[in-house]
Every structure is written in structure tokens, then in C-alpha cells.
N, C-alpha and C. Protein backbone atom coordinates (compact mmCIF):
# COMPACT_ATOMS: atom_id res chain seq x y z
N MET A 1 118.45 74.53 119.06
CA MET A 1 118.11 73.47 119.98
C MET A 1 117.05 74.49 120.82
N GLN A 2 116.01 72.99 120.86
CA GLN A 2 115.12 73.68 122.09
C GLN A 2 115.38 74.11 123.06
N SER A 3 114.57 75.49 123.77
CA SER A 3 114.88 75.52 125.02
C SER A 3 114.25 74.55 126.16
N PRO A 4 114.72 74.42 127.50
CA PRO A 4 114.19 73.69 128.46
C PRO A 4 112.72 74.00 128.38
N PHE A 5 112.08 75.20 128.65
CA PHE A 5 111.48 75.63 128.96
C PHE A 5 110.04 75.73 127.99
N SER A 6 110.67 74.90 126.70
CA SER A 6 109.41 74.64 125.46
C SER A 6 108.53 73.47 125.66
N ILE A 7 107.30 74.15 125.15
CA ILE A 7 106.80 72.89 125.36
C ILE A 7 106.40 71.73 124.45
N LYS A 8 106.39 70.56 124.69
CA LYS A 8 105.88 69.16 123.71
C LYS A 8 104.55 69.82 123.01
N PHE A 9 104.91 68.96 121.16
CA PHE A 9 103.49 68.66 120.71
C PHE A 9 102.64 68.34 121.49
N ASP A 10 102.62 66.48 122.54
CA ASP A 10 102.01 66.12 122.65
C ASP A 10 101.09 66.75 124.22
N ASP A 11 101.92 67.88 124.75
CA ASP A 11 101.41 68.60 125.81
C ASP A 11 100.44 70.02 125.37
N LEU A 12 100.39 69.90 123.84
CA LEU A 12 99.61 70.82 123.85
C LEU A 12 97.99 71.00 123.72
N PRO A 13 97.60 72.03 124.15
CA PRO A 13 96.01 71.65 124.77
C PRO A 13 95.20 71.77 123.51
N GLU A 14 93.73 71.12 123.45
CA GLU A 14 92.83 70.93 122.77
C GLU A 14 91.65 72.21 122.80
N SER A 15 92.02 73.41 123.67
CA SER A 15 91.34 74.56 123.54
C SER A 15 92.34 75.93 123.92
N LEU A 16 92.23 76.74 123.18
CA LEU A 16 92.82 77.60 123.90
C LEU A 16 92.32 79.72 124.10
N PRO A 17 93.14 79.71 124.76
CA PRO A 17 92.10 81.46 124.74
C PRO A 17 93.01 81.97 123.69
N VAL A 18 92.01 82.84 123.04
CA VAL A 18 92.37 83.26 121.58
C VAL A 18 92.99 84.96 121.56
N PHE A 19 93.57 85.25 120.72
CA PHE A 19 93.64 86.85 121.08
C PHE A 19 93.99 87.23 119.58
N PRO A 20 92.27 87.81 118.76
CA PRO A 20 92.06 88.44 118.08
C PRO A 20 92.91 89.69 117.68
N LEU A 21 93.99 89.90 116.42
CA LEU A 21 94.63 91.23 116.15
C LEU A 21 94.63 91.28 114.84
N PRO A 22 94.36 92.68 114.58
CA PRO A 22 94.21 93.20 113.23
C PRO A 22 95.55 93.02 112.99
N SER A 23 95.68 92.72 111.21
CA SER A 23 97.28 93.05 110.53
C SER A 23 98.30 92.40 111.80
N VAL A 24 98.42 91.66 112.79
CA VAL A 24 99.55 91.05 113.33
C VAL A 24 99.69 89.63 113.26
N LEU A 25 101.11 89.27 113.18
CA LEU A 25 101.74 87.70 112.83
C LEU A 25 102.41 87.30 114.31
N LEU A 26 102.10 86.02 113.91
CA LEU A 26 102.71 85.38 114.93
C LEU A 26 103.15 84.13 114.63
N LEU A 27 104.69 83.84 114.21
CA LEU A 27 105.08 82.23 113.35
C LEU A 27 105.98 81.75 114.33
N PRO A 28 106.05 80.50 114.24
CA PRO A 28 107.00 79.52 115.25
C PRO A 28 108.06 80.05 115.14
N GLY A 29 108.95 79.88 116.23
CA GLY A 29 110.26 81.16 115.98
C GLY A 29 110.37 82.56 116.21
N GLY A 30 109.48 83.02 115.97
CA GLY A 30 109.53 84.04 116.47
C GLY A 30 109.04 84.71 117.47
N ARG A 31 109.48 85.97 118.38
CA ARG A 31 108.90 86.60 119.12
C ARG A 31 107.87 88.08 119.01
N LEU A 32 107.12 87.85 119.77
CA LEU A 32 106.29 89.14 119.94
C LEU A 32 105.95 89.69 121.02
N PRO A 33 105.94 91.02 120.93
CA PRO A 33 106.20 92.00 122.32
C PRO A 33 104.51 92.42 121.95
N LEU A 34 103.79 92.46 123.03
CA LEU A 34 102.56 93.27 123.33
C LEU A 34 102.36 94.06 124.33
N ASN A 35 101.62 94.93 124.20
CA ASN A 35 101.30 95.56 125.57
C ASN A 35 99.27 95.76 125.97
N ILE A 36 98.94 94.75 126.81
CA ILE A 36 97.85 94.78 127.30
C ILE A 36 97.43 95.87 128.39
N PHE A 37 96.53 96.28 128.18
CA PHE A 37 95.80 97.47 128.81
C PHE A 37 94.11 96.90 128.78
N GLU A 38 93.51 96.05 127.91
CA GLU A 38 92.08 95.75 127.97
C GLU A 38 91.86 94.85 129.01
N PRO A 39 90.81 95.06 130.24
CA PRO A 39 90.80 94.15 131.17
C PRO A 39 90.77 92.71 131.08
N ARG A 40 89.77 92.42 129.64
CA ARG A 40 89.64 91.32 129.36
C ARG A 40 90.76 90.80 129.00
N TYR A 41 91.76 91.22 128.46
CA TYR A 41 92.85 90.53 127.79
C TYR A 41 93.89 90.56 129.54
N ILE A 42 93.85 91.34 130.19
CA ILE A 42 94.51 91.43 131.40
C ILE A 42 93.85 90.09 132.08
N SER A 43 92.82 89.76 131.58
CA SER A 43 92.80 88.64 132.58
C SER A 43 92.64 87.61 131.64
N MET A 44 93.20 87.82 130.66
CA MET A 44 93.39 86.58 129.70
C MET A 44 95.30 85.96 130.19
N ILE A 45 95.55 87.03 130.42
CA ILE A 45 97.14 86.72 130.42
C ILE A 45 97.01 86.18 131.83
N LEU A 46 96.39 87.01 132.84
CA LEU A 46 96.94 86.22 134.16
C LEU A 46 95.99 84.50 134.20
N ASP A 47 95.18 84.35 133.98
CA ASP A 47 94.70 82.98 133.75
C ASP A 47 95.69 82.23 133.09
N SER A 48 96.43 82.81 131.72
CA SER A 48 97.10 81.66 131.07
C SER A 48 98.31 81.64 132.37
N LEU A 49 98.91 83.08 132.77
CA LEU A 49 99.42 82.62 133.88
C LEU A 49 99.66 81.67 134.96
N SER A 50 98.63 81.22 134.98
CA SER A 50 98.42 80.39 135.96
C SER A 50 98.29 78.53 135.59
N GLU A 51 98.17 78.60 134.77
CA GLU A 51 98.05 77.13 133.72
C GLU A 51 99.24 76.89 133.02
N GLN A 52 99.38 76.82 130.88
CA GLN A 52 100.22 76.46 130.59
C GLN A 52 101.71 77.83 130.21
N ARG A 53 100.55 78.88 130.27
CA ARG A 53 100.79 80.23 130.05
C ARG A 53 100.77 80.43 128.23
N LEU A 54 100.49 79.48 127.67
CA LEU A 54 99.56 79.49 126.15
C LEU A 54 98.99 80.41 125.99
N ILE A 55 98.45 81.15 124.88
CA ILE A 55 97.81 82.10 124.33
C ILE A 55 97.89 81.95 122.72
N GLY A 56 96.80 82.12 121.68
CA GLY A 56 96.31 81.62 120.79
C GLY A 56 96.43 83.17 119.63
N VAL A 57 97.49 83.57 119.01
CA VAL A 57 97.02 85.03 118.39
C VAL A 57 96.53 84.83 116.64
N VAL A 58 95.53 85.23 116.40
CA VAL A 58 94.88 84.94 114.87
C VAL A 58 94.22 86.02 114.29
N GLN A 59 94.94 86.32 113.28
CA GLN A 59 94.37 87.63 112.34
C GLN A 59 93.10 87.59 112.23
N THR A 60 92.48 89.10 112.60
CA THR A 60 91.15 89.68 112.56
C THR A 60 91.24 89.61 110.68
N ARG A 61 89.83 89.46 109.98
CA ARG A 61 89.48 89.72 108.67
C ARG A 61 89.36 91.13 108.81
N VAL A 62 89.07 92.60 109.55
CA VAL A 62 89.18 93.58 109.60
C VAL A 62 90.48 94.33 108.87
N ASP A 63 90.69 95.45 109.08
CA ASP A 63 91.59 96.52 108.35
C ASP A 63 92.15 97.07 109.50
N ALA A 64 93.05 97.17 109.80
CA ALA A 64 94.10 97.41 110.93
C ALA A 64 93.19 98.95 111.43
N LYS A 65 92.86 99.67 110.91
CA LYS A 65 92.11 100.78 111.29
C LYS A 65 90.87 100.93 112.13
N GLU A 66 89.94 99.74 111.37
CA GLU A 66 89.00 99.28 111.69
C GLU A 66 88.73 99.17 113.38
N LEU A 67 87.69 99.00 113.73
CA LEU A 67 87.58 99.03 115.34
C LEU A 67 87.19 97.26 115.23
N VAL A 68 88.03 96.31 116.32
CA VAL A 68 88.10 94.88 116.41
C VAL A 68 86.96 94.43 117.55
N ALA A 69 85.37 93.84 116.86
CA ALA A 69 84.60 93.66 117.77
C ALA A 69 84.96 92.68 118.31
N ASP A 70 84.07 92.27 119.36
CA ASP A 70 84.10 91.23 120.24
C ASP A 70 84.11 89.82 119.38
N LYS A 71 82.93 90.09 118.38
CA LYS A 71 82.95 88.93 117.69
C LYS A 71 83.41 89.17 116.21
N ALA A 72 84.32 89.72 115.78
CA ALA A 72 85.33 90.10 114.99
C ALA A 72 85.87 88.74 113.94
N GLU A 73 85.30 88.60 112.70
CA GLU A 73 85.61 87.65 112.20
C GLU A 73 87.15 87.43 112.04
N VAL A 74 87.27 85.96 112.37
CA VAL A 74 88.75 85.72 112.44
C VAL A 74 89.13 84.35 110.97
N PHE A 75 90.60 84.64 110.57
CA PHE A 75 91.16 83.59 109.92
C PHE A 75 91.03 82.62 110.85
N ASN A 76 91.15 81.61 110.03
CA ASN A 76 90.70 80.17 110.82
C ASN A 76 92.50 79.29 110.97
N THR A 77 93.64 80.31 110.52
CA THR A 77 94.70 79.37 111.09
C THR A 77 95.50 80.59 111.93
N GLY A 78 95.90 80.10 113.14
CA GLY A 78 96.66 81.24 113.74
C GLY A 78 97.99 80.31 114.22
N CYS A 79 98.58 80.78 115.34
CA CYS A 79 99.99 80.51 115.99
C CYS A 79 99.88 80.80 117.84
N VAL A 80 99.99 79.37 118.21
CA VAL A 80 100.57 79.40 119.71
C VAL A 80 101.37 80.13 120.39
N GLY A 81 101.43 81.12 121.09
CA GLY A 81 102.65 81.24 122.00
C GLY A 81 102.80 81.10 123.23
N ARG A 82 103.85 81.16 123.56
CA ARG A 82 103.97 80.71 125.12
C ARG A 82 104.88 82.85 125.60
N ILE A 83 104.09 82.87 126.83
CA ILE A 83 104.20 83.74 127.77
C ILE A 83 105.86 83.90 128.10
N VAL A 84 106.68 84.62 127.34
CA VAL A 84 108.46 84.48 128.07
C VAL A 84 108.60 85.43 129.18
N SER A 85 108.03 86.08 128.88
CA SER A 85 108.19 87.42 129.77
C SER A 85 106.78 88.33 130.39
N PHE A 86 107.07 88.99 131.25
CA PHE A 86 105.58 89.65 132.00
C PHE A 86 106.23 90.09 132.92
N THR A 87 105.56 91.89 132.50
CA THR A 87 106.05 93.08 133.63
C THR A 87 104.91 93.36 133.96
N GLU A 88 104.91 94.09 134.61
CA GLU A 88 103.90 95.14 135.26
C GLU A 88 103.63 96.48 135.20
N SER A 89 103.07 97.61 134.65
CA SER A 89 103.22 98.50 134.96
C SER A 89 102.70 99.20 135.91
N SER A 90 103.28 100.59 136.03
CA SER A 90 102.41 101.52 137.28
C SER A 90 101.08 101.99 136.75
N ASP A 91 101.02 102.11 135.55
CA ASP A 91 99.76 102.43 134.69
C ASP A 91 98.41 101.55 134.63
N GLY A 92 98.94 100.25 135.27
CA GLY A 92 97.68 98.78 134.99
C GLY A 92 98.04 98.20 133.71
N ARG A 93 99.05 98.34 133.33
CA ARG A 93 99.02 97.06 132.07
C ARG A 93 99.91 96.34 132.38
N LEU A 94 99.98 95.60 131.44
CA LEU A 94 101.14 94.20 131.18
C LEU A 94 101.62 94.27 129.90
N LEU A 95 103.03 93.78 130.38
CA LEU A 95 104.20 94.03 129.17
C LEU A 95 104.26 92.94 128.69
N ILE A 96 104.18 91.75 127.89
CA ILE A 96 104.45 90.52 127.73
C ILE A 96 104.75 90.16 126.22
N THR A 97 105.99 89.09 126.11
CA THR A 97 106.61 88.43 124.85
C THR A 97 106.03 87.30 125.03
N LEU A 98 105.24 86.87 123.48
CA LEU A 98 105.11 85.62 123.26
C LEU A 98 105.93 84.83 122.49
N ASP A 99 106.54 84.00 122.64
CA ASP A 99 107.40 82.98 121.99
C ASP A 99 106.64 82.34 120.93
N GLY A 100 106.45 81.99 119.37
CA GLY A 100 105.65 81.32 118.47
C GLY A 100 106.44 80.18 118.93
N SER A 101 105.10 79.19 119.29
CA SER A 101 105.41 77.49 118.81
C SER A 101 104.77 76.80 118.04
N CYS A 102 104.01 76.61 117.73
CA CYS A 102 103.21 75.89 116.33
C CYS A 102 102.14 76.65 116.27
N ARG A 103 101.66 76.40 115.18
CA ARG A 103 100.04 77.14 114.51
C ARG A 103 99.52 76.09 114.59
N PHE A 104 97.97 76.55 114.77
CA PHE A 104 96.94 75.66 114.76
C PHE A 104 95.65 75.92 113.78
N THR A 105 94.84 75.16 113.85
CA THR A 105 93.32 75.61 112.80
C THR A 105 92.38 75.35 113.83
N LEU A 106 91.65 76.58 113.58
CA LEU A 106 90.51 76.63 114.38
C LEU A 106 89.52 75.93 114.39
N LEU A 107 88.55 75.35 115.38
CA LEU A 107 87.69 73.73 115.36
C LEU A 107 86.71 74.66 115.43
N LYS A 108 85.94 75.16 116.81
CA LYS A 108 84.75 75.55 116.87
C LYS A 108 84.95 76.86 118.22
N GLU A 109 84.42 77.80 118.16
CA GLU A 109 84.48 78.60 119.50
C GLU A 109 83.68 78.04 120.39
N LEU A 110 84.24 78.29 121.61
CA LEU A 110 83.48 78.36 122.90
C LEU A 110 82.81 79.31 123.83
N GLU A 111 81.89 79.34 124.37
CA GLU A 111 81.52 80.29 125.39
C GLU A 111 82.49 81.14 125.71
N ILE A 112 82.47 82.40 125.73
CA ILE A 112 83.29 83.07 126.12
C ILE A 112 83.27 83.11 127.78
N SER A 113 84.82 83.41 128.18
CA SER A 113 84.98 83.06 129.19
C SER A 113 85.90 84.49 130.03
N ASN A 114 85.35 84.92 131.13
CA ASN A 114 85.87 86.36 131.40
C ASN A 114 86.23 87.08 130.55
N GLY A 115 85.92 87.46 129.77
CA GLY A 115 85.36 88.36 128.92
C GLY A 115 86.35 88.33 127.50
N TYR A 116 86.95 87.19 127.15
CA TYR A 116 87.84 86.80 126.00
C TYR A 116 87.08 85.54 125.33
N ARG A 117 87.88 85.48 124.29
CA ARG A 117 87.39 84.41 123.68
C ARG A 117 88.39 83.10 123.94
N ARG A 118 87.80 81.87 123.30
CA ARG A 118 88.15 80.61 123.69
C ARG A 118 87.74 79.90 122.07
N PHE A 119 89.16 78.89 122.17
CA PHE A 119 88.66 78.28 120.74
C PHE A 119 89.24 76.57 121.04
N ASN A 120 88.29 75.29 120.17
CA ASN A 120 88.67 74.42 120.30
C ASN A 120 89.63 74.67 118.77
N VAL A 121 90.61 73.98 119.07
CA VAL A 121 91.81 73.69 117.90
C VAL A 121 92.76 72.68 117.79
N SER A 122 93.41 72.37 116.27
CA SER A 122 94.07 71.57 116.44
C SER A 122 95.17 72.04 115.62
N PHE A 123 96.57 71.03 116.42
CA PHE A 123 97.67 71.38 115.54
C PHE A 123 98.25 70.58 114.74
N GLU A 124 97.24 69.61 114.92
CA GLU A 124 98.12 68.02 113.95
C GLU A 124 98.99 68.43 112.57
N LYS A 125 97.98 69.45 111.63
CA LYS A 125 98.05 70.00 110.37
C LYS A 125 99.74 70.64 110.74
N TYR A 126 100.18 71.38 111.46
CA TYR A 126 101.40 71.80 111.70
C TYR A 126 102.70 71.10 112.62
N LYS A 127 102.32 69.72 113.18
CA LYS A 127 103.40 69.42 114.06
C LYS A 127 104.92 69.53 113.29
N ALA A 128 105.18 69.80 112.42
CA ALA A 128 106.51 69.90 111.76
C ALA A 128 106.69 71.52 112.19
N ASP A 129 105.91 72.30 112.73
CA ASP A 129 106.56 73.31 113.29
C ASP A 129 107.56 73.33 114.59
N MET A 130 107.31 72.30 115.20
CA MET A 130 108.07 72.14 116.57
C MET A 130 109.41 71.62 116.04
N GLU A 131 109.91 71.45 115.45
CA GLU A 131 110.92 70.53 114.86
C GLU A 131 112.37 71.38 114.87
N ASP A 132 113.88 71.12 115.13
CA ASP A 132 113.96 72.11 114.79
C ASP A 132 114.90 72.55 113.16
N ARG A 133 114.59 73.28 112.53
CA ARG A 133 115.11 73.53 111.42
C ARG A 133 115.80 74.11 110.66
N GLU A 134 116.60 73.81 110.15
CA GLU A 134 117.81 74.99 110.01
C GLU A 134 118.72 74.24 108.23
N GLY A 135 118.95 75.44 108.32
CA GLY A 135 119.67 75.03 106.31
C GLY A 135 119.13 75.34 105.16
N PHE A 136 118.13 75.66 105.56
CA PHE A 136 116.94 75.35 104.40
C PHE A 136 117.12 77.02 103.61
N ILE A 137 117.86 77.73 104.06
CA ILE A 137 118.10 78.93 103.73
C ILE A 137 119.05 79.43 102.55
N GLU A 138 118.88 79.69 101.66
CA GLU A 138 120.96 80.18 100.61
C GLU A 138 121.06 81.52 101.50
N ARG A 139 121.67 81.45 102.32
CA ARG A 139 122.07 82.79 103.08
C ARG A 139 122.24 83.79 102.05
N ARG A 140 123.45 84.03 100.89
CA ARG A 140 123.87 84.88 100.55
C ARG A 140 122.40 86.01 99.73
N GLU A 141 121.74 84.95 98.66
CA GLU A 141 120.98 85.28 97.85
C GLU A 141 120.11 85.76 98.47
N PHE A 142 119.59 85.16 99.71
CA PHE A 142 118.21 85.70 100.59
C PHE A 142 118.57 86.96 101.20
N ARG A 143 120.26 86.84 101.63
CA ARG A 143 120.53 88.31 102.39
C ARG A 143 120.60 89.54 101.54
N GLU A 144 121.06 89.93 100.50
CA GLU A 144 121.00 90.56 99.21
C GLU A 144 119.26 90.99 98.31
N LEU A 145 118.81 90.08 99.34
CA LEU A 145 117.13 90.34 98.55
C LEU A 145 116.55 90.68 99.61
N VAL A 146 116.80 90.45 100.95
CA VAL A 146 116.41 91.04 102.43
C VAL A 146 116.73 93.00 102.37
N LYS A 147 117.90 92.83 101.79
CA LYS A 147 118.77 94.11 101.93
C LYS A 147 117.68 94.93 100.90
N GLU A 148 117.84 94.59 99.55
CA GLU A 148 117.20 94.79 98.53
C GLU A 148 115.98 95.23 98.72
N TYR A 149 114.91 95.15 99.60
CA TYR A 149 113.59 94.90 100.15
C TYR A 149 113.48 95.75 100.79
N PHE A 150 114.01 95.67 102.10
CA PHE A 150 114.12 97.10 103.33
C PHE A 150 114.45 98.63 102.91
N ASP A 151 115.69 98.75 101.65
CA ASP A 151 116.02 99.61 101.03
C ASP A 151 115.05 99.82 100.36
N SER A 152 114.24 99.25 99.36
CA SER A 152 112.98 100.12 98.73
C SER A 152 111.65 100.36 99.84
N GLU A 153 112.19 99.94 101.15
CA GLU A 153 110.88 100.41 101.80
C GLU A 153 111.43 101.38 102.58
N ASN A 154 112.33 101.87 102.52
CA ASN A 154 113.03 102.27 103.25
C ASN A 154 112.79 102.59 104.68
N LEU A 155 113.36 101.44 104.95
CA LEU A 155 113.27 100.71 106.14
C LEU A 155 114.72 100.22 106.73
N ASN A 156 115.22 100.85 108.24
CA ASN A 156 116.95 99.99 108.55
C ASN A 156 116.44 99.00 108.85
N ILE A 157 117.65 97.51 108.67
CA ILE A 157 118.36 96.92 109.30
C ILE A 157 119.52 96.73 109.46
N ASP A 158 119.69 95.93 110.25
CA ASP A 158 121.18 95.27 110.42
C ASP A 158 121.18 94.15 109.88
N ILE A 159 121.74 94.69 108.95
CA ILE A 159 122.18 92.70 107.94
C ILE A 159 122.71 92.24 108.18
N GLY A 160 123.75 92.54 108.66
CA GLY A 160 125.00 92.14 109.72
C GLY A 160 124.74 90.90 110.78
N ALA A 161 123.59 91.44 111.43
CA ALA A 161 122.78 90.71 112.31
C ALA A 161 122.11 89.43 112.25
N LEU A 162 121.45 89.52 111.25
CA LEU A 162 120.73 88.41 110.34
C LEU A 162 121.88 86.96 110.11
N ASP A 163 122.69 87.51 110.04
CA ASP A 163 123.78 85.86 109.78
C ASP A 163 124.01 85.61 111.21
N GLN A 164 123.57 86.03 112.38
CA GLN A 164 123.54 85.28 113.75
C GLN A 164 122.58 84.31 114.43
N ILE A 165 121.30 84.81 113.40
CA ILE A 165 120.06 84.16 114.00
C ILE A 165 120.17 82.79 113.46
N GLY A 166 119.27 81.54 113.51
CA GLY A 166 119.42 80.46 112.71
C GLY A 166 118.06 80.62 112.03
N ASP A 167 118.24 79.89 110.76
CA ASP A 167 117.04 79.93 109.83
C ASP A 167 115.53 80.26 110.07
N LYS A 168 115.05 79.52 110.82
CA LYS A 168 113.85 79.28 111.55
C LYS A 168 113.25 80.75 112.33
N LYS A 169 114.10 80.75 112.97
CA LYS A 169 113.78 82.31 113.39
C LYS A 169 114.31 83.08 112.63
N LEU A 170 114.76 83.49 111.61
CA LEU A 170 115.19 84.26 110.90
C LEU A 170 113.86 84.81 110.03
N LEU A 171 113.38 83.54 109.31
CA LEU A 171 112.12 83.48 108.85
C LEU A 171 110.98 83.88 109.48
N ALA A 172 111.18 83.66 110.57
CA ALA A 172 109.98 83.78 111.31
C ALA A 172 109.64 85.10 111.45
N ASN A 173 110.69 85.78 112.22
CA ASN A 173 110.74 87.56 112.72
C ASN A 173 110.80 88.68 111.41
N LEU A 174 111.57 87.74 110.36
CA LEU A 174 111.31 89.03 109.21
C LEU A 174 109.68 88.51 109.09
N ALA A 175 109.43 87.90 108.73
CA ALA A 175 107.78 87.92 108.14
C ALA A 175 106.80 88.95 109.39
N MET A 176 107.29 88.19 110.27
CA MET A 176 106.58 89.31 111.34
C MET A 176 106.62 90.91 111.19
N LEU A 177 107.91 91.28 110.66
CA LEU A 177 108.31 92.47 110.84
C LEU A 177 108.08 93.28 109.48
N CYS A 178 108.31 92.68 108.56
CA CYS A 178 107.88 93.13 107.27
C CYS A 178 106.27 94.06 106.84
N PRO A 179 106.36 94.84 106.77
CA PRO A 179 105.10 95.80 106.28
C PRO A 179 103.65 95.33 104.97
N PHE A 180 103.55 93.97 105.49
CA PHE A 180 102.76 93.21 104.42
C PHE A 180 101.48 93.78 104.67
N GLU A 181 100.79 92.97 103.28
CA GLU A 181 99.16 93.45 103.61
C GLU A 181 98.68 92.22 104.52
N THR A 182 97.34 92.15 105.39
CA THR A 182 96.70 90.99 106.67
C THR A 182 96.90 89.60 105.32
N ARG A 183 96.19 89.93 104.28
CA ARG A 183 96.20 88.69 103.57
C ARG A 183 97.52 88.15 103.03
N GLU A 184 98.78 88.68 102.93
CA GLU A 184 100.11 88.36 102.68
C GLU A 184 100.63 87.92 103.53
N LYS A 185 100.10 88.67 104.91
CA LYS A 185 100.69 87.65 106.33
C LYS A 185 99.70 86.63 106.44
N GLN A 186 98.88 86.90 106.42
CA GLN A 186 97.61 85.08 106.10
C GLN A 186 98.28 83.78 105.70
N ALA A 187 98.52 84.44 104.07
CA ALA A 187 99.33 83.44 103.28
C ALA A 187 100.86 82.95 103.84
N LEU A 188 101.55 83.64 104.73
CA LEU A 188 102.59 83.48 105.28
C LEU A 188 102.15 82.62 106.13
N MET A 189 101.11 82.86 107.39
CA MET A 189 100.39 82.09 108.57
C MET A 189 100.31 80.81 107.32
N GLU A 190 99.49 80.82 106.40
CA GLU A 190 98.99 79.04 106.41
C GLU A 190 100.00 78.17 105.44
N ALA A 191 101.44 78.64 105.21
CA ALA A 191 102.04 78.06 104.14
C ALA A 191 102.13 76.33 104.85
N LYS A 192 102.08 75.91 103.84
CA LYS A 192 102.59 73.87 104.18
C LYS A 192 103.65 73.49 105.44
N ASN A 193 104.69 74.47 104.70
CA ASN A 193 105.64 74.15 105.52
C ASN A 193 106.47 75.53 105.72
N PHE A 194 108.25 75.60 105.87
CA PHE A 194 109.03 76.67 105.90
C PHE A 194 109.86 76.77 104.61
N ASP A 195 109.60 75.51 104.11
CA ASP A 195 110.15 76.05 102.69
C ASP A 195 109.17 76.61 101.85
N GLU A 196 107.70 76.29 101.95
CA GLU A 196 106.52 77.37 101.29
C GLU A 196 106.71 78.31 101.62
N MET A 197 106.93 78.54 102.84
CA MET A 197 106.73 80.40 103.52
C MET A 197 108.45 80.62 103.16
N LEU A 198 109.07 80.14 103.14
CA LEU A 198 110.43 80.86 102.52
C LEU A 198 109.79 81.31 101.01
N GLU A 199 109.28 80.75 100.25
CA GLU A 199 108.76 80.65 98.97
C GLU A 199 107.95 82.18 98.93
N ILE A 200 107.16 82.33 99.71
CA ILE A 200 106.20 83.26 99.75
C ILE A 200 107.30 84.88 99.93
N ILE A 201 107.57 84.45 101.49
CA ILE A 201 107.91 85.80 101.55
C ILE A 201 108.83 86.57 100.34
N GLY A 202 109.39 85.13 99.71
CA GLY A 202 110.65 85.52 98.32
C GLY A 202 109.46 86.42 97.58
N ALA A 203 108.56 85.66 97.23
CA ALA A 203 107.89 86.36 96.12
C ALA A 203 107.33 87.64 96.49
N LEU A 204 106.87 87.88 97.66
CA LEU A 204 106.29 88.97 98.25
C LEU A 204 106.92 90.38 98.43
N MET A 205 108.59 90.18 98.32
CA MET A 205 109.57 90.99 98.60
C MET A 205 109.86 91.44 97.00
N LYS A 206 110.34 90.38 96.55
CA LYS A 206 110.07 90.59 94.77
C LYS A 206 109.03 91.68 94.42
N MET A 207 108.03 90.86 94.48
CA MET A 207 106.90 92.29 93.94
C MET A 207 107.11 93.54 94.30
N SER A 208 107.12 93.65 95.88
CA SER A 208 107.28 95.14 96.63
C SER A 208 108.36 95.42 95.48
N ILE A 209 109.63 95.17 95.57
CA ILE A 209 110.87 95.99 95.06
C ILE A 209 110.10 96.69 93.27
N HIS A 210 109.69 95.41 92.70
CA HIS A 210 109.41 95.19 91.50
C HIS A 210 108.23 97.21 91.24
N ALA A 211 107.07 96.59 92.28
CA ALA A 211 106.24 97.81 92.17
C ALA A 211 107.08 99.30 92.36
N ASP A 212 108.11 99.22 93.40
CA ASP A 212 108.52 100.42 93.16
C ASP A 212 109.87 100.97 92.59
N ILE A 213 110.07 99.97 91.58
CA ILE A 213 111.10 100.49 90.93
C ILE A 213 110.07 100.80 89.79
N SER A 214 109.21 100.55 89.39
CA SER A 214 108.06 101.11 88.46
C SER A 214 107.33 102.00 88.87
N SER A 215 107.35 102.29 89.97
CA SER A 215 106.34 103.29 90.37
C SER A 215 106.33 105.12 89.85
N PRO A 216 105.81 105.56 89.23
CA PRO A 216 106.19 107.06 88.71
C PRO A 216 106.44 107.64 89.75
N ASN A 217 106.09 107.69 90.99
CA ASN A 217 106.65 108.48 91.96
C ASN A 217 107.70 108.18 92.53
N ARG A 218 109.04 107.02 91.47
CA ARG A 218 110.29 107.23 92.64
C ARG A 218 110.89 108.04 92.16
N ASN A 219 111.80 108.38 92.72
CA ASN A 219 113.10 109.27 92.39
C ASN A 219 113.90 108.71 91.92
């Protein structure tokens, strides 16, 4: 069931402020906490709060350890997030949470406004992202795969809690949480639909598990 605060597809804008982030994913149904401290992005958040509270998140093509320049090359597909929580810190930072709504394709970069980047975008290709979609995950099989993957990565997860989350939110938040490579994350971002996204995340998890099993350093 959608929140009464959720934006409707027909109300999505033709242009968005865009936050380019290295190796960070936001997907429809996922929630992304962000710590905002750069003045240009503080301006972006404040401007967004005065409008529809929407921000586009796209991955940069640079490695996470490299400096993200003002004109860093970005992937063409990202996701719009709605600001659902907002807190000011005493040291001048903004702590926000974005709720992923719909993916978009970048069309044209516009003139920089208040220090941050803005693009014309199209949501048409991903209109189905806005639909409530459940029942496409075979839970028992997927649950076992997730547990095996997290064990292989030495990561902790409350497997029982997964059963309390709907399919769409589960898939989105797992894809955002897993330590995949940037291009692997982008493959998830560019999936045609949630069924294909499920296939990709399953394949990535299985490859990681098999690589771990065959590693000569495995104890």
C-alpha cells in the first residue's frame, strides 16, 4: 500500500536536482540515509524542501575512493528519491532520508543552479516502478540464498526480519545494502523490471558465493 504522501507518476517533474554519488544506489522502494555537509548540497536540499522534496541520485563512473569532481561523468540511469526525514545538526550538517520512487533516464544537463547539478529527465521507461508489486519472490529459496551470501561476506543480517518486508522493499534494500561493485549496482539500476532485478541480484550473490568457495585463501 502506498503512503498518502507518495508522489503520483503524473506529478513527477521534467527536471531534477541530481546528487552524483560514487558507488551508492537508490532504488524504488528503498530508503537511503544521507549526511549532507557540502554547502552546494545543503542548498540543494533546502531548495528541494521548498518544492516537491525530490532529488535524483545517480552513480558516478569514478571509483568510490576518487574525488568526485563537479563535472564527474555519471551513469545515464538513476532514481528519484523523496525526502521523508530531515534533521539539522548542531555542526551545520543536514541528515536526511530519501525514499526511492521511480527510476529515470538522464536527457540533458542544465545550467548549474546554486552550485549543484540539474538535469532534464524522463521517467517513461520505468513507469511500472510506481506500482505496488508483490509476490514475485519465492521466499524460501531466496531466503536461503541471502543467508549463504551474507555468511560468505562475513556480514550480519537478521534473516527472520526479511519475512516482515514486502517483496519490492526487500529487493531494493538488499540491492542497496550488498557490497557489489559499481557496475554491478548499475546493472541492478538498469534492470527492465523487478523480475529482472531479482534475477541479477541472485546471479551476483551466487557468483560471489562460488568465488569465495573456490578462493585459495578460504579457511
